[in-house]
Protein backbone atom coordinates (compact mmCIF):
# COMPACT_ATOMS: atom_id res chain seq x y z
CA MET A 1 0.00 0.00 0.00
CA THR A 2 1.34 3.45 -0.84
CA ALA A 3 0.56 6.71 0.87
CA ASN A 4 -2.15 8.85 -0.70
CA GLY A 5 -1.87 12.39 0.63
CA GLY A 6 -2.08 11.97 4.37
CA THR A 7 -3.35 8.40 4.25
CA HIS A 8 -0.97 5.57 5.11
CA GLY A 9 -1.26 1.86 5.57
CA ALA A 10 -0.17 2.21 9.18
CA ILE A 11 0.93 4.86 11.65
CA VAL A 12 3.35 4.14 14.47
CA ILE A 13 3.22 6.52 17.43
CA GLY A 14 6.47 6.57 19.36
CA ALA A 15 10.08 6.08 18.26
CA GLY A 16 11.60 3.90 20.93
CA VAL A 17 12.94 0.42 20.21
CA ALA A 18 9.45 -1.02 19.67
CA GLY A 19 8.23 1.84 17.48
CA LEU A 20 11.35 2.06 15.32
CA THR A 21 11.34 -1.69 14.80
CA ALA A 22 7.64 -1.71 13.91
CA ALA A 23 8.10 1.11 11.39
CA ALA A 24 10.98 -0.73 9.74
CA GLU A 25 9.13 -4.06 9.69
CA LEU A 26 6.02 -2.48 8.15
CA ALA A 27 7.91 -0.48 5.53
CA GLU A 28 9.97 -3.52 4.57
CA ARG A 29 6.71 -5.37 3.96
CA GLY A 30 5.57 -2.67 1.54
CA ILE A 31 3.19 -0.91 3.93
CA ALA A 32 3.21 2.89 3.63
CA THR A 33 4.15 3.79 7.19
CA ALA A 34 4.26 7.04 9.11
CA LEU A 35 6.42 7.12 12.23
CA VAL A 36 5.39 9.95 14.54
CA ASP A 37 7.45 11.03 17.54
CA ASP A 38 7.35 14.02 19.87
CA GLY A 39 11.07 14.60 19.50
CA PHE A 40 12.28 12.33 22.31
CA LEU A 41 13.79 9.90 19.82
CA GLY A 42 14.60 6.56 21.37
CA GLY A 43 12.78 7.03 24.65
CA LEU A 44 14.23 5.63 27.86
CA ILE A 45 16.72 3.36 26.08
CA THR A 46 18.82 6.44 25.32
CA ASN A 47 19.65 6.54 29.05
CA VAL A 48 21.41 3.18 28.84
CA GLY A 49 25.16 3.54 28.51
CA LYS A 50 25.96 -0.15 28.08
CA LEU A 51 23.56 -2.62 26.50
CA GLU A 52 23.30 -6.08 28.04
CA GLY A 53 22.55 -9.18 25.95
CA VAL A 54 21.67 -7.39 22.73
CA GLU A 55 22.70 -8.83 19.38
CA GLY A 56 24.47 -6.63 16.85
CA GLU A 57 27.16 -3.99 17.01
CA ALA A 58 25.30 -1.38 19.06
CA GLU A 59 27.04 -0.91 22.41
CA SER A 60 24.80 1.73 23.98
CA GLY A 61 21.16 2.78 23.90
CA PRO A 62 21.84 5.74 21.59
CA ASP A 63 23.82 3.47 19.25
CA LEU A 64 20.87 1.08 19.00
CA VAL A 65 18.40 3.91 18.38
CA ASN A 66 20.51 5.31 15.53
CA THR A 67 20.77 1.86 13.95
CA LEU A 68 17.03 1.26 14.15
CA LEU A 69 16.15 4.71 12.83
CA GLU A 70 18.44 4.25 9.85
CA ARG A 71 16.81 0.91 9.11
CA ALA A 72 13.32 2.44 9.21
CA LEU A 73 14.29 5.36 6.99
CA VAL A 74 16.06 3.16 4.44
CA ALA A 75 12.95 0.99 4.29
CA GLY A 76 10.89 4.08 3.42
CA ALA A 77 9.13 4.98 6.66
CA ASP A 78 7.85 8.58 6.78
CA TYR A 79 9.40 9.97 9.97
CA ARG A 80 7.49 12.93 11.41
CA MET A 81 8.50 14.87 14.49
CA GLY A 82 5.72 16.53 16.42
CA ALA A 83 3.36 16.16 19.33
CA VAL A 84 0.31 13.94 19.09
CA THR A 85 -2.46 15.03 21.42
CA ALA A 86 -5.55 13.77 19.59
CA LEU A 87 -6.59 10.49 17.99
CA GLN A 88 -9.91 10.30 16.15
CA GLN A 89 -11.73 7.43 14.47
CA ASP A 90 -13.80 7.88 11.31
CA GLY A 91 -15.14 4.63 9.98
CA ALA A 92 -12.25 2.32 9.18
CA LEU A 93 -9.62 5.05 9.53
CA TRP A 94 -7.78 6.44 12.53
CA HIS A 95 -6.82 10.11 12.22
CA LEU A 96 -4.03 12.19 13.77
CA PRO A 97 -5.32 15.74 13.09
CA GLU A 98 -2.07 17.53 14.01
CA GLN A 99 -0.10 15.41 11.58
CA GLU A 100 -2.83 15.46 8.90
CA ALA A 101 -2.34 11.71 8.73
CA ALA A 102 -4.73 8.78 8.74
CA ALA A 103 -4.46 5.00 8.53
CA PRO A 104 -6.56 1.89 9.11
CA ALA A 105 -3.98 0.68 11.62
CA ILE A 106 -2.38 2.56 14.51
CA ILE A 107 0.43 1.13 16.63
CA PHE A 108 0.88 2.58 20.09
CA ALA A 109 4.60 2.39 20.84
CA THR A 110 4.41 5.27 23.28
CA GLY A 111 6.45 3.52 25.95
CA ALA A 112 6.40 4.44 29.60
CA ALA A 113 7.61 7.15 31.94
CA LEU A 114 9.77 6.58 35.00
CA LYS A 115 7.77 6.73 38.21
CA GLN A 116 8.48 9.41 40.77
CA LEU A 117 9.10 8.78 44.46
CA GLY A 118 6.55 11.39 45.45
CA VAL A 119 8.52 12.57 48.48
CA PRO A 120 9.43 16.09 49.68
CA GLY A 121 12.45 17.53 47.90
CA GLU A 122 12.21 15.36 44.80
CA THR A 123 10.67 17.95 42.50
CA GLU A 124 12.57 20.87 44.01
CA LEU A 125 15.96 19.19 43.54
CA ALA A 126 15.34 17.61 40.14
CA GLY A 127 18.43 18.21 38.03
CA ARG A 128 20.36 19.30 41.12
CA GLY A 129 21.12 15.92 42.61
CA VAL A 130 17.93 14.06 41.74
CA SER A 131 18.43 12.25 38.45
CA GLN A 132 16.92 9.33 36.57
CA CYS A 133 19.86 8.86 34.23
CA ALA A 134 23.13 7.62 35.71
CA PHE A 135 24.62 7.41 32.21
CA CYS A 136 23.90 11.13 31.72
CA ASP A 137 24.69 12.50 35.16
CA GLY A 138 26.83 9.95 36.98
CA GLY A 139 30.05 11.74 36.11
CA LEU A 140 28.92 14.76 38.10
CA TYR A 141 29.21 12.71 41.28
CA ARG A 142 32.57 11.06 40.74
CA ASP A 143 34.17 10.05 44.06
CA LYS A 144 31.04 11.01 45.98
CA ASP A 145 28.40 9.01 47.87
CA VAL A 146 25.13 8.40 46.03
CA LEU A 147 21.95 6.39 46.47
CA VAL A 148 19.85 4.41 43.98
CA VAL A 149 16.22 3.64 44.82
CA GLY A 150 14.71 0.46 43.40
CA GLY A 151 15.25 -3.27 43.21
CA GLY A 152 14.64 -4.08 39.54
CA ASP A 153 16.89 -4.43 36.51
CA ALA A 154 16.98 -0.71 35.76
CA ALA A 155 18.02 0.21 39.30
CA PHE A 156 20.78 -2.39 39.36
CA GLN A 157 22.06 -1.40 35.92
CA GLU A 158 22.31 2.20 37.08
CA ALA A 159 24.04 1.12 40.28
CA LEU A 160 26.60 -0.88 38.29
CA HIS A 161 27.41 2.18 36.20
CA LEU A 162 27.68 4.42 39.25
CA ALA A 163 29.89 1.90 41.06
CA GLU A 164 32.64 2.63 38.54
CA LEU A 165 32.47 6.36 39.28
CA CYS A 166 31.35 7.02 42.82
CA ALA A 167 32.97 6.51 46.20
CA SER A 168 29.98 4.53 47.40
CA VAL A 169 26.59 3.49 46.06
CA THR A 170 23.72 2.52 48.34
CA VAL A 171 20.81 0.66 46.74
CA ALA A 172 17.63 1.16 48.78
CA ILE A 173 14.90 -1.41 48.14
CA ARG A 174 11.44 -1.15 49.66
CA GLY A 175 10.76 -4.88 49.38
CA PRO A 176 12.44 -7.83 51.12
CA ALA A 177 14.75 -8.73 48.23
CA PRO A 178 15.94 -7.50 44.82
CA ARG A 179 13.78 -8.22 41.77
CA ALA A 180 16.66 -7.73 39.34
CA ARG A 181 18.14 -10.48 37.22
CA VAL A 182 20.42 -12.85 39.09
CA ASP A 183 23.47 -11.85 37.07
CA PHE A 184 22.93 -8.17 37.92
CA VAL A 185 22.66 -9.00 41.61
CA GLU A 186 25.82 -11.10 41.52
CA ARG A 187 27.75 -8.37 39.73
CA ILE A 188 26.61 -5.83 42.31
CA ARG A 189 27.89 -8.07 45.10
CA ALA A 190 31.31 -8.08 43.45
CA HIS A 191 31.62 -4.32 44.06
CA SER A 192 32.87 -3.54 47.55
CA ASN A 193 31.62 0.05 47.29
CA VAL A 194 27.99 -0.94 46.67
CA HIS A 195 25.70 -1.62 49.62
CA VAL A 196 22.22 -3.10 49.13
CA ARG A 197 19.63 -2.38 51.82
CA THR A 198 16.19 -4.01 51.79
CA GLY A 199 13.05 -3.01 53.65
CA ILE A 200 13.84 0.68 53.23
CA ASP A 201 11.40 3.52 52.52
CA VAL A 202 12.47 6.94 51.26
CA ARG A 203 10.81 9.67 53.31
CA ALA A 204 12.43 12.87 51.98
CA ILE A 205 15.29 14.27 49.93
CA ILE A 206 17.05 17.07 51.79
CA GLY A 207 19.01 19.99 50.38
CA THR A 208 18.90 23.59 49.15
CA GLU A 209 21.21 24.20 46.18
CA GLY A 210 21.72 20.46 45.75
CA VAL A 211 21.10 17.16 47.51
CA ASP A 212 22.71 17.03 50.95
CA ALA A 213 21.02 13.99 52.49
CA ILE A 214 18.21 11.50 52.18
CA ARG A 215 15.81 10.49 54.95
CA LEU A 216 15.32 6.73 55.11
CA HIS A 217 12.89 4.66 57.16
CA ASP A 218 14.01 1.17 58.18
CA GLN A 219 10.93 -1.07 58.21
CA ALA A 220 12.48 -3.64 60.55
CA SER A 221 13.59 -1.28 63.31
CA GLY A 222 11.14 1.53 62.68
CA SER A 223 13.99 4.03 62.84
CA GLU A 224 14.20 7.06 60.58
CA LYS A 225 17.57 8.68 59.85
CA ASP A 226 19.12 11.23 57.51
CA HIS A 227 22.03 9.88 55.48
CA PRO A 228 24.48 12.29 53.77
CA ILE A 229 24.62 11.76 49.99
CA ALA A 230 25.38 13.88 46.94
CA ALA A 231 22.72 12.46 44.61
CA VAL A 232 19.74 10.13 44.43
CA PHE A 233 18.72 8.08 41.39
CA PRO A 234 15.12 6.75 41.62
CA PHE A 235 14.23 3.72 39.48
CA ILE A 236 11.07 2.33 41.03
CA GLY A 237 9.09 1.33 37.97
CA LEU A 238 7.27 2.64 34.94
CA THR A 239 3.94 4.25 34.10
CA PRO A 240 2.62 3.28 30.63
CA GLN A 241 1.96 6.32 28.43
CA THR A 242 -1.45 5.42 27.02
CA ALA A 243 -3.59 8.48 27.76
CA LEU A 244 -3.98 9.16 24.03
CA ALA A 245 -5.71 5.83 23.41
CA PRO A 246 -9.53 5.90 23.45
CA PRO A 247 -11.02 5.14 26.88
CA GLU A 248 -12.91 2.25 25.31
CA ALA A 249 -9.64 0.36 24.81
CA LYS A 250 -9.25 -2.10 27.67
CA ARG A 251 -6.37 -1.48 30.07
CA ASN A 252 -4.86 -3.25 33.05
CA ALA A 253 -4.58 -1.76 36.53
CA ASP A 254 -1.40 0.11 35.58
CA GLY A 255 -2.99 1.69 32.51
CA ALA A 256 -1.22 -0.50 29.94
CA LEU A 257 -3.33 -1.54 26.95
CA THR A 258 -4.59 -5.11 26.86
CA VAL A 259 -3.66 -6.95 23.66
CA GLY A 260 -3.97 -10.36 22.02
CA ALA A 261 -1.32 -12.45 20.30
CA THR A 262 -1.21 -10.07 17.31
CA MET A 263 -0.75 -7.06 19.63
CA GLN A 264 -4.20 -5.72 18.65
CA THR A 265 -6.09 -4.07 21.49
CA THR A 266 -9.78 -4.53 22.14
CA LEU A 267 -10.43 -1.92 19.42
CA PRO A 268 -10.01 -3.12 15.80
CA GLY A 269 -7.08 -1.50 14.03
CA LEU A 270 -5.50 -0.25 17.26
CA TYR A 271 -2.33 -2.05 18.35
CA ALA A 272 -0.02 -1.63 21.34
CA ILE A 273 3.56 -2.83 21.68
CA GLY A 274 6.45 -2.51 24.10
CA ALA A 275 5.86 -0.86 27.46
CA ALA A 276 2.51 0.54 26.27
CA ARG A 277 0.94 -2.92 26.34
CA ALA A 278 -0.03 -5.09 29.30
CA ASP A 279 2.26 -7.98 30.29
CA HIS A 280 5.23 -6.63 28.35
CA GLY A 281 8.38 -8.55 29.23
CA GLY A 282 10.49 -5.42 29.58
CA ALA A 283 13.55 -6.54 27.62
CA ILE A 284 14.71 -5.15 24.29
CA ALA A 285 14.06 -8.55 22.71
CA ASP A 286 10.46 -8.39 23.96
CA ALA A 287 9.94 -4.97 22.35
CA VAL A 288 11.31 -6.26 19.06
CA ALA A 289 9.11 -9.37 19.18
CA ASP A 290 6.03 -7.23 19.83
CA ALA A 291 6.87 -5.02 16.86
CA VAL A 292 7.32 -7.98 14.52
CA ALA A 293 4.03 -9.55 15.64
CA ALA A 294 2.08 -6.32 15.05
CA ALA A 295 3.70 -5.71 11.66
CA GLN A 296 2.95 -9.25 10.53
CA ALA A 297 -0.68 -8.92 11.58
CA ILE A 298 -1.14 -5.60 9.78
CA ALA A 299 0.64 -6.77 6.64
CA SER A 300 -1.51 -9.86 6.41
């Protein structure tokens, strides 16, 4: 199918790993494809300084994004940069008014946003010691004491990066044990300057011009103390970015879109892949597999 004016065979919203892969897969199958992104090309993967277990030559998140974008463009995808704030349905077509684009198939590859701690000082000190990108900001805290909040893969990856730069890294986990992959946990244990604490709640981030300390509550003892640190890196989970999808599309409790085996949501012609869909595995390979499944379904 070829584009006719603003009409395409498919429109992909979001240019992270899932969206870029979907655009390439569709275009390579001869589907006229528009790839629409708000300018944050790559999404959260661009925060990853060293990729783990990814095939190919890309060594970092930005490397992978550039490779995938080039593939999509070479295949003929129509890359459009701009905000998407409205999605309308007219018969068999879905319309993006701001982009003057329409298609019978829409793929939500809008990803997810990092959750906030929601404690005093977090918003006030954002960018001044509160960061959600160790790859970007870790160098600012070389030879200093920092704290990572979270027990999943992302938190442990960030802690591993910071361990090479900082004097000490404390990993504060609210639950009783890490949820990260076993190999990440084992690698953390090999660093003498990394200390993992479980059963810990963050109460406040303290500072004026920058972060001076963090207030932690120990669930076991009930004690609450201020610990001097130079920076805090929260990685406590993700919030799917699906507000643009029609309310009629079924979602799970976290707001991620419910899909079937073909990645189609409960609304015909509307697909969701990657972190935008329910039960996403979270790995790069999972995002790629989602994209391939959706492209195959649309092409058929």
